[in-house]
Protein backbone atom coordinates (compact mmCIF):
# COMPACT_ATOMS: atom_id res chain seq x y z
CA MET A 1 -16.59 -5.99 20.63
CA SER A 2 -18.84 -6.68 23.59
CA TYR A 3 -20.55 -10.05 23.78
CA THR A 4 -24.27 -9.87 24.57
CA ALA A 5 -26.39 -13.03 24.78
CA ASN A 6 -30.13 -13.09 24.08
CA THR A 7 -32.27 -13.98 27.08
CA PRO A 8 -34.94 -16.70 26.75
CA ALA A 9 -37.60 -13.97 26.90
CA GLN A 10 -35.94 -12.11 24.01
CA GLN A 11 -35.69 -15.32 21.99
CA ARG A 12 -39.40 -15.99 22.55
CA GLU A 13 -40.26 -12.44 21.49
CA MET A 14 -38.31 -12.85 18.22
CA LEU A 15 -39.93 -16.21 17.47
CA ASP A 16 -43.40 -14.73 18.08
CA ALA A 17 -42.59 -11.89 15.71
CA CYS A 18 -41.65 -14.48 13.06
CA GLY A 19 -44.80 -16.47 13.71
CA VAL A 20 -43.03 -19.76 14.55
CA ALA A 21 -42.88 -21.95 17.61
CA SER A 22 -39.14 -22.70 17.59
CA THR A 23 -35.97 -22.23 15.57
CA ASP A 24 -36.38 -25.78 14.22
CA VAL A 25 -38.87 -24.40 11.69
CA PHE A 26 -36.09 -22.44 9.96
CA PHE A 27 -34.19 -25.65 9.21
CA GLU A 28 -37.07 -27.72 7.80
CA VAL A 29 -35.97 -26.92 4.24
CA ILE A 30 -32.77 -28.89 4.86
CA PRO A 31 -33.20 -32.66 4.27
CA PRO A 32 -32.91 -34.57 7.58
CA ALA A 33 -29.90 -36.53 6.30
CA LEU A 34 -27.96 -33.29 5.81
CA ARG A 35 -28.77 -31.69 9.13
CA ALA A 36 -26.22 -31.52 11.93
CA ARG A 37 -27.10 -34.24 14.42
CA ALA A 38 -25.31 -32.68 17.38
CA LEU A 39 -23.22 -29.51 17.58
CA ASP A 40 -21.83 -30.60 20.96
CA LEU A 41 -21.46 -27.03 22.16
CA PRO A 42 -20.85 -26.17 25.83
CA PRO A 43 -23.41 -24.17 27.78
CA ALA A 44 -23.55 -20.44 27.12
CA ARG A 45 -21.23 -18.22 29.15
CA SER A 46 -21.35 -14.63 30.31
CA GLU A 47 -19.21 -11.91 28.74
CA LEU A 48 -16.79 -12.02 31.67
CA GLU A 49 -16.44 -15.80 31.40
CA VAL A 50 -15.81 -15.62 27.64
CA ARG A 51 -13.19 -12.89 28.11
CA ASN A 52 -11.39 -14.88 30.82
CA TYR A 53 -11.47 -18.03 28.69
CA PHE A 54 -9.75 -16.38 25.74
CA GLN A 55 -7.24 -14.58 27.95
CA ARG A 56 -6.18 -17.93 29.42
CA ALA A 57 -5.95 -19.43 25.92
CA ALA A 58 -3.87 -16.51 24.64
CA ALA A 59 -1.50 -16.78 27.62
CA ARG A 60 -0.44 -20.20 26.31
CA ASN A 61 1.22 -18.55 23.29
CA ALA A 62 4.99 -18.15 23.40
CA GLY A 63 6.03 -14.56 23.63
CA PRO A 64 6.94 -11.84 23.44
CA LEU A 65 9.39 -12.99 20.75
CA THR A 66 11.37 -11.03 18.21
CA LEU A 67 10.04 -11.63 14.72
CA PHE A 68 12.62 -12.19 11.98
CA LEU A 69 10.23 -13.56 9.36
CA GLY A 70 7.69 -11.54 7.47
CA GLY A 71 8.64 -10.99 3.84
CA GLY A 72 7.74 -7.30 4.00
CA VAL A 73 5.41 -7.48 7.01
CA TYR A 74 7.03 -6.69 10.35
CA ASP A 75 6.22 -5.81 13.94
CA HIS A 76 7.68 -2.30 14.07
CA PHE A 77 7.21 0.29 16.79
CA ILE A 78 4.02 2.35 16.35
CA PRO A 79 3.76 5.63 18.30
CA ALA A 80 0.63 5.87 20.47
CA ALA A 81 -0.39 9.04 18.64
CA VAL A 82 -1.05 7.02 15.47
CA ASP A 83 -3.95 5.18 17.13
CA ALA A 84 -5.16 8.32 18.89
CA LEU A 85 -5.32 10.44 15.72
CA ALA A 86 -6.41 7.80 13.20
CA GLY A 87 -9.12 6.65 15.61
CA ARG A 88 -10.86 10.01 15.72
CA SER A 89 -14.43 9.75 14.47
CA GLU A 90 -13.84 12.38 11.77
CA PHE A 91 -11.49 9.96 10.04
CA TYR A 92 -12.71 6.63 11.34
CA THR A 93 -16.24 7.01 9.99
CA ALA A 94 -15.50 9.12 6.89
CA TYR A 95 -17.27 8.05 3.72
CA THR A 96 -15.93 7.97 0.15
CA PRO A 97 -14.90 11.60 -0.55
CA TYR A 98 -16.74 12.07 -3.85
CA GLN A 99 -18.20 15.37 -2.63
CA PRO A 100 -15.20 17.64 -2.05
CA GLU A 101 -17.26 20.40 -0.43
CA VAL A 102 -17.93 18.13 2.57
CA SER A 103 -14.77 15.96 2.48
CA GLN A 104 -11.86 18.39 2.67
CA GLY A 105 -10.35 16.82 5.79
CA THR A 106 -10.23 13.30 4.35
CA LEU A 107 -9.06 14.54 0.94
CA GLN A 108 -6.23 16.60 2.44
CA ALA A 109 -5.12 13.65 4.59
CA ILE A 110 -4.91 11.45 1.48
CA TYR A 111 -3.10 14.20 -0.42
CA GLU A 112 -0.51 14.53 2.33
CA TYR A 113 -0.05 10.75 2.35
CA GLN A 114 0.59 10.88 -1.40
CA SER A 115 3.12 13.66 -0.81
CA SER A 116 4.97 11.59 1.78
CA ILE A 117 5.17 8.58 -0.54
CA CYS A 118 6.55 10.80 -3.31
CA ARG A 119 9.29 12.11 -1.02
CA LEU A 120 10.09 8.63 0.23
CA THR A 121 10.44 7.11 -3.25
CA GLY A 122 11.71 10.13 -5.19
CA MET A 123 8.87 9.80 -7.69
CA ASP A 124 6.55 12.43 -9.17
CA VAL A 125 3.08 11.08 -8.38
CA SER A 126 1.52 8.68 -5.88
CA ASN A 127 -2.02 7.34 -5.85
CA ALA A 128 -4.26 7.23 -2.79
CA SER A 129 -3.11 3.64 -2.02
CA LEU A 130 -4.11 0.10 -3.01
CA TYR A 131 -5.02 -3.01 -1.03
CA ASP A 132 -1.55 -4.39 -0.22
CA GLY A 133 1.96 -4.73 -1.64
CA GLY A 134 1.12 -7.74 -3.82
CA THR A 135 -1.98 -6.14 -5.29
CA ALA A 136 -0.04 -2.96 -6.03
CA LEU A 137 2.63 -4.94 -7.90
CA CYS A 138 0.00 -6.78 -9.95
CA GLU A 139 -1.63 -3.47 -10.83
CA ALA A 140 1.76 -2.12 -11.88
CA CYS A 141 2.06 -5.03 -14.34
CA GLN A 142 -1.28 -4.13 -15.89
CA MET A 143 -0.26 -0.49 -15.98
CA ALA A 144 2.95 -1.30 -17.87
CA ILE A 145 1.04 -3.47 -20.37
CA HIS A 146 -1.38 -0.63 -21.10
CA ALA A 147 1.35 2.00 -21.33
CA THR A 148 3.66 0.11 -23.69
CA LYS A 149 1.11 -1.93 -25.67
CA ARG A 150 3.37 -4.95 -25.15
CA SER A 151 2.47 -8.32 -23.70
CA ARG A 152 5.31 -9.82 -21.63
CA ILE A 153 6.65 -9.19 -18.12
CA VAL A 154 10.10 -10.23 -16.86
CA LEU A 155 10.22 -11.20 -13.16
CA ASP A 156 13.46 -11.08 -11.21
CA GLY A 157 13.98 -14.15 -9.00
CA GLY A 158 14.51 -11.95 -5.94
CA ILE A 159 10.86 -10.85 -5.86
CA ASN A 160 8.78 -11.99 -2.90
CA PRO A 161 7.42 -15.46 -3.90
CA VAL A 162 3.97 -14.50 -2.62
CA TYR A 163 3.97 -11.55 -5.03
CA ARG A 164 5.09 -13.79 -7.89
CA THR A 165 2.23 -16.18 -7.15
CA MET A 166 -0.23 -13.29 -7.10
CA ILE A 167 1.05 -12.04 -10.47
CA ARG A 168 0.63 -15.50 -11.99
CA THR A 169 -2.93 -15.62 -10.63
CA TYR A 170 -3.76 -12.14 -11.94
CA THR A 171 -2.47 -12.94 -15.41
CA ALA A 172 -3.61 -16.56 -15.71
CA ASN A 173 -6.56 -15.76 -17.97
CA LEU A 174 -5.04 -12.77 -19.75
CA SER A 175 -2.84 -12.58 -22.82
CA ILE A 176 0.20 -11.71 -20.73
CA GLY A 177 3.41 -13.76 -20.79
CA LEU A 178 5.72 -14.08 -17.79
CA ASP A 179 9.48 -14.75 -17.92
CA GLU A 180 11.20 -15.50 -14.59
CA VAL A 181 14.96 -14.94 -14.26
CA PRO A 182 16.75 -16.62 -11.29
CA VAL A 183 19.03 -14.53 -9.13
CA SER A 184 22.80 -14.97 -9.09
CA HIS A 185 24.28 -15.29 -5.58
CA GLY A 186 21.16 -13.66 -4.20
CA GLN A 187 21.43 -10.63 -6.47
CA SER A 188 19.76 -9.65 -9.76
CA ASN A 189 21.46 -11.43 -12.66
CA ARG A 190 22.24 -8.60 -15.09
CA THR A 191 23.23 -10.81 -18.00
CA ALA A 192 20.18 -13.06 -17.77
CA LEU A 193 17.79 -10.13 -17.34
CA ALA A 194 19.21 -8.38 -20.41
CA ALA A 195 18.84 -11.57 -22.43
CA ALA A 196 15.20 -11.95 -21.33
CA ILE A 197 14.17 -8.51 -22.62
CA THR A 198 12.59 -8.67 -26.08
CA GLU A 199 10.55 -6.38 -28.29
CA GLU A 200 7.44 -7.70 -26.51
CA THR A 201 8.68 -6.98 -22.97
CA ALA A 202 6.47 -4.37 -21.32
CA ALA A 203 8.39 -4.22 -18.03
CA VAL A 204 11.02 -5.80 -15.83
CA ILE A 205 10.04 -6.21 -12.17
CA LEU A 206 12.73 -5.90 -9.50
CA GLN A 207 12.74 -5.76 -5.71
CA ASN A 208 14.99 -3.76 -3.39
CA PRO A 209 15.91 -5.00 -0.86
CA ASN A 210 14.99 -8.32 -2.44
CA PHE A 211 13.43 -11.30 -0.69
CA PHE A 212 16.89 -12.55 0.37
CA GLY A 213 17.67 -9.22 2.03
CA VAL A 214 20.18 -8.16 -0.62
CA ILE A 215 20.43 -4.43 -1.35
CA ASP A 216 21.07 -3.52 -4.96
CA ASP A 217 21.43 -0.44 -7.16
CA HIS A 218 19.27 -1.14 -10.20
CA SER A 219 20.28 1.96 -12.15
CA ASP A 220 22.15 -0.07 -14.79
CA ILE A 221 19.21 -2.45 -15.26
CA ALA A 222 16.82 0.50 -15.62
CA ALA A 223 19.03 2.04 -18.31
CA ALA A 224 19.18 -1.27 -20.20
CA CYS A 225 15.40 -1.66 -20.04
CA HIS A 226 14.75 1.86 -21.28
CA ALA A 227 17.14 1.30 -24.18
CA ARG A 228 14.87 -1.57 -25.28
CA GLY A 229 11.62 0.35 -24.73
CA ALA A 230 10.62 -1.52 -21.57
CA LEU A 231 9.53 0.01 -18.27
CA VAL A 232 11.06 -0.77 -14.87
CA ILE A 233 8.87 -1.68 -11.91
CA GLN A 234 10.46 -1.86 -8.47
CA SER A 235 8.90 -3.29 -5.32
CA VAL A 236 10.50 -1.67 -2.27
CA TYR A 237 10.49 -1.84 1.51
CA PRO A 238 9.45 1.68 2.57
CA VAL A 239 11.54 2.01 5.73
CA ALA A 240 14.72 1.12 3.83
CA MET A 241 13.99 3.78 1.22
CA SER A 242 14.97 6.47 3.71
CA VAL A 243 18.63 5.37 3.58
CA LEU A 244 18.98 3.71 0.17
CA LYS A 245 19.20 5.23 -3.27
CA THR A 246 15.60 6.04 -4.15
CA PRO A 247 13.77 4.42 -7.07
CA GLY A 248 13.51 7.85 -8.65
CA GLU A 249 17.29 8.21 -8.57
CA CYS A 250 17.63 4.75 -10.14
CA GLY A 251 15.42 5.68 -13.09
CA VAL A 252 12.53 3.41 -12.07
CA ASP A 253 9.19 4.06 -13.80
CA ILE A 254 6.74 2.54 -11.30
CA VAL A 255 7.32 1.91 -7.58
CA THR A 256 5.15 -0.29 -5.40
CA GLY A 257 5.45 -1.75 -1.93
CA GLU A 258 3.81 -3.04 1.21
CA GLY A 259 3.09 -0.16 3.59
CA GLN A 260 2.32 -2.26 6.68
CA SER A 261 5.58 -1.19 8.32
CA LEU A 262 4.38 2.41 8.29
CA GLY A 263 2.28 2.41 11.45
CA ILE A 264 -0.04 -0.52 10.72
CA PRO A 265 -0.16 -3.47 13.17
CA LEU A 266 0.29 -7.07 12.01
CA SER A 267 -3.37 -7.86 12.80
CA PHE A 268 -3.07 -11.52 11.74
CA GLY A 269 -2.62 -10.52 8.09
CA GLY A 270 -4.53 -7.33 7.45
CA PRO A 271 -5.92 -4.95 6.50
CA TYR A 272 -2.68 -3.58 5.09
CA LEU A 273 -1.65 -0.89 2.66
CA GLY A 274 -0.26 -1.06 -0.85
CA PHE A 275 1.47 2.07 -2.12
CA MET A 276 2.25 3.02 -5.71
CA ALA A 277 4.16 5.93 -7.20
CA THR A 278 5.18 6.73 -10.74
CA THR A 279 6.42 9.42 -13.11
CA SER A 280 4.31 12.30 -14.43
CA ALA A 281 4.40 10.72 -17.90
CA LEU A 282 2.50 7.65 -16.66
CA VAL A 283 0.00 9.32 -14.33
CA ARG A 284 -2.98 8.76 -16.64
CA LYS A 285 -2.24 5.03 -16.73
CA MET A 286 -2.06 4.71 -12.95
CA PRO A 287 -4.88 2.76 -11.24
CA GLY A 288 -6.85 3.79 -8.19
CA ARG A 289 -7.83 7.10 -6.74
CA LEU A 290 -5.78 10.25 -7.03
CA VAL A 291 -6.22 13.37 -4.91
CA GLY A 292 -5.07 16.68 -6.37
CA ARG A 293 -4.85 20.22 -5.02
CA THR A 294 -6.52 23.17 -6.67
CA LEU A 295 -8.28 26.42 -5.70
CA ASP A 296 -11.91 27.03 -4.92
CA ARG A 297 -13.79 30.01 -6.35
CA GLU A 298 -12.66 32.14 -3.43
CA GLY A 299 -8.99 31.41 -4.13
CA ARG A 300 -8.46 29.05 -1.19
CA ASP A 301 -6.61 25.74 -1.36
CA ALA A 302 -8.97 22.86 -2.02
CA PHE A 303 -8.52 19.13 -2.50
CA VAL A 304 -10.42 16.93 -4.95
CA LEU A 305 -10.42 13.47 -6.49
CA THR A 306 -8.87 14.21 -9.85
CA LEU A 307 -8.37 12.43 -13.18
CA GLN A 308 -11.42 10.33 -12.33
CA ALA A 309 -12.07 9.54 -15.99
CA ARG A 310 -9.49 6.75 -15.54
CA GLU A 311 -11.64 4.99 -12.94
CA GLN A 312 -14.23 2.25 -13.10
CA HIS A 313 -17.20 4.26 -11.84
CA ILE A 314 -16.91 6.46 -14.95
CA ARG A 315 -15.22 4.48 -17.72
CA ARG A 316 -16.65 1.10 -16.71
CA ASP A 317 -14.98 -1.66 -18.77
CA LYS A 318 -12.51 0.82 -20.30
CA ALA A 319 -11.08 1.91 -16.95
CA THR A 320 -7.37 1.59 -16.25
CA SER A 321 -8.22 -0.91 -13.48
CA ASN A 322 -11.18 -2.44 -11.68
CA ILE A 323 -9.71 -1.06 -8.44
CA CYS A 324 -12.24 1.59 -7.39
CA THR A 325 -11.33 2.24 -3.78
CA ASN A 326 -8.32 2.74 -1.52
CA GLN A 327 -7.14 1.98 2.00
CA ALA A 328 -7.80 5.51 3.27
CA LEU A 329 -7.61 4.77 7.00
CA CYS A 330 -4.41 2.72 6.60
CA ALA A 331 -2.96 5.48 4.41
CA LEU A 332 -3.77 8.00 7.11
CA ARG A 333 -1.96 5.85 9.68
CA ALA A 334 1.04 5.61 7.36
CA HIS A 335 1.23 9.38 6.92
CA ILE A 336 0.88 10.06 10.66
CA HIS A 337 3.56 7.42 11.35
CA MET A 338 6.01 8.96 8.86
CA SER A 339 5.34 12.44 10.22
CA LEU A 340 5.90 11.40 13.84
CA LEU A 341 9.10 9.47 13.11
CA SER A 342 10.62 12.18 10.97
CA ARG A 343 12.83 15.16 11.50
CA ARG A 344 12.72 18.18 9.25
CA SER A 345 15.93 19.11 7.51
CA ALA A 346 16.98 20.88 4.34
CA GLY A 347 16.60 18.55 1.41
CA GLY A 348 16.12 15.46 3.57
CA ARG A 349 13.62 12.66 3.70
CA GLY A 350 13.51 9.60 5.90
CA ILE A 351 12.14 7.84 8.94
CA VAL A 352 14.83 8.69 11.42
CA PRO A 353 14.64 6.20 14.35
CA LEU A 354 13.94 3.20 12.13
CA GLN A 355 16.35 4.18 9.37
CA ASN A 356 19.22 4.55 11.84
CA ALA A 357 18.47 1.12 13.30
CA LEU A 358 18.51 -0.43 9.83
CA ARG A 359 21.70 1.35 8.84
CA ASP A 360 23.49 0.33 12.01
CA GLN A 361 22.81 -3.37 11.35
CA ALA A 362 25.25 -3.39 8.41
CA PRO A 363 29.01 -3.38 9.11
CA GLN A 364 30.84 -0.14 8.41
CA GLY A 365 32.10 -0.07 4.84
CA ASP A 366 29.86 -2.94 3.72
CA PRO A 367 29.23 -2.24 0.01
CA ARG A 368 25.72 -3.66 0.35
CA ARG A 369 24.81 -0.64 2.41
CA ARG A 370 24.48 1.16 -0.88
CA GLY A 371 24.69 -0.02 -4.45
CA ASP A 372 27.72 2.15 -5.31
CA GLY A 373 29.65 1.17 -2.19
CA LYS A 374 29.41 4.65 -0.64
CA GLN A 375 27.92 5.48 2.70
CA PRO A 376 24.22 6.24 2.25
CA ARG A 377 22.89 9.73 2.63
CA ILE A 378 20.51 10.10 5.54
CA GLN A 379 17.27 11.07 3.85
CA ARG A 380 14.11 11.98 5.68
CA VAL A 381 10.41 12.15 5.02
CA HIS A 382 8.54 14.92 6.77
CA GLY A 383 4.85 15.46 7.13
CA ALA A 384 2.34 17.89 5.72
CA ALA A 385 4.03 20.74 3.88
CA ALA A 386 2.55 24.02 2.73
CA ASP A 387 3.88 23.56 -0.79
CA GLY A 388 1.87 20.40 -1.48
CA CYS A 389 4.46 17.89 -2.66
CA GLN A 390 7.45 19.98 -3.63
CA ARG A 391 10.62 17.95 -3.46
CA THR A 392 13.42 20.05 -2.04
CA GLY A 393 16.29 20.79 -4.38
CA GLU A 394 14.55 19.86 -7.63
CA PRO A 395 13.60 22.15 -10.51
CA ALA A 396 10.24 23.84 -10.09
CA ASN A 397 8.80 22.24 -13.21
CA ARG A 398 9.32 18.74 -11.73
CA ALA A 399 8.68 19.59 -8.07
CA ARG A 400 5.02 18.82 -7.96
CA HIS A 401 2.54 16.10 -7.16
CA CYS A 402 -0.45 16.30 -9.49
CA ARG A 403 -0.61 19.94 -8.52
CA ARG A 404 -3.59 21.78 -9.95
CA LEU A 405 -4.53 18.73 -12.01
CA ALA A 406 -8.17 19.41 -11.34
CA ALA A 407 -9.21 22.51 -13.23
CA GLY A 408 -12.16 24.79 -12.66
CA PRO A 409 -13.79 26.35 -9.61
CA LEU A 410 -15.02 24.33 -6.68
CA LEU A 411 -17.74 24.99 -4.18
CA PRO A 412 -16.39 26.73 -1.07
CA ARG A 413 -15.61 24.55 1.88
CA ASN A 414 -18.16 24.45 4.66
CA GLY A 415 -17.27 26.49 7.70
């Protein structure tokens, strides 16, 4: 942002328009004892001088260094095309797409993002995104409570501690109980988790890879939870999902994660992207926006915000969540990123350059490379597909992503 100082003449003009002699008049309402006696600020500088000052200050930082910390937030490679495409004014200045007849571009971009998340996680339905990975996990807790009518959540000790703190904050004033189960040698403790599940347990929350970097196959835990009527929520690292057994294959009910690694810069902490995907059975309990594909009255493909009766702007206090927006621009970046770093193949899904780098870090034959000890399949995520969100190789009745959820004719698209 350019820095532009007001000239003395401009300052005088503004004061005259306000009918005052000086800026001191604006501070007369503050008692003298509470006023700042001296701000001790240096003289004003020109834009060039300010720019040079901060460049010299930034040069004192150590770098460039390789970042090994992050807890789900990392400095990955971002193709230049992500900035070029996401920065186009059609996307950059787009407003909330409540009017589908004038928002088809934004709606289709969100729909394709949802499709990519479904392929990446192996789930049926994705929403249009949430604020960040922690928020998405907290919303998944609320979703499980509403779906099961139960009141307790079991937290695995391998969950990101920031996420656990957020969950405790979210639930502090609600009638929701939390049970935390420590890990065993860095991995989910099956025996302790099974013992923690009761008739009041709405869901068990897991993370893969967990905060300690341990890869796990949670299929057995998911089966045990379902046998007791509890749901399974899994927080995942999206890049790793292209080589690991997907949450859908593990029998997970709700998947969440931090999407920053999908083409979003670190930016000193945000804005980031929370993604969420679930099964068709739970779609009406899912928070946030949801874009579906239908047909307009001329038989052409059209995209709309669907199942909006779940949302706050319609149901008010009875909504599934007070989340009433999404990170559309970040979601667009994520979809472009996955499309650029993908390679089409029959039945595949994955982020090829990054997934190969991750896979090659583990020694050959290391059982942690996959929960069952086998070499992982190379799975790929590809970009916009003509079939909406059909998942290759699955039965037609399950291969969909909220397809045709919005019924009835739409106005034709402009142009």
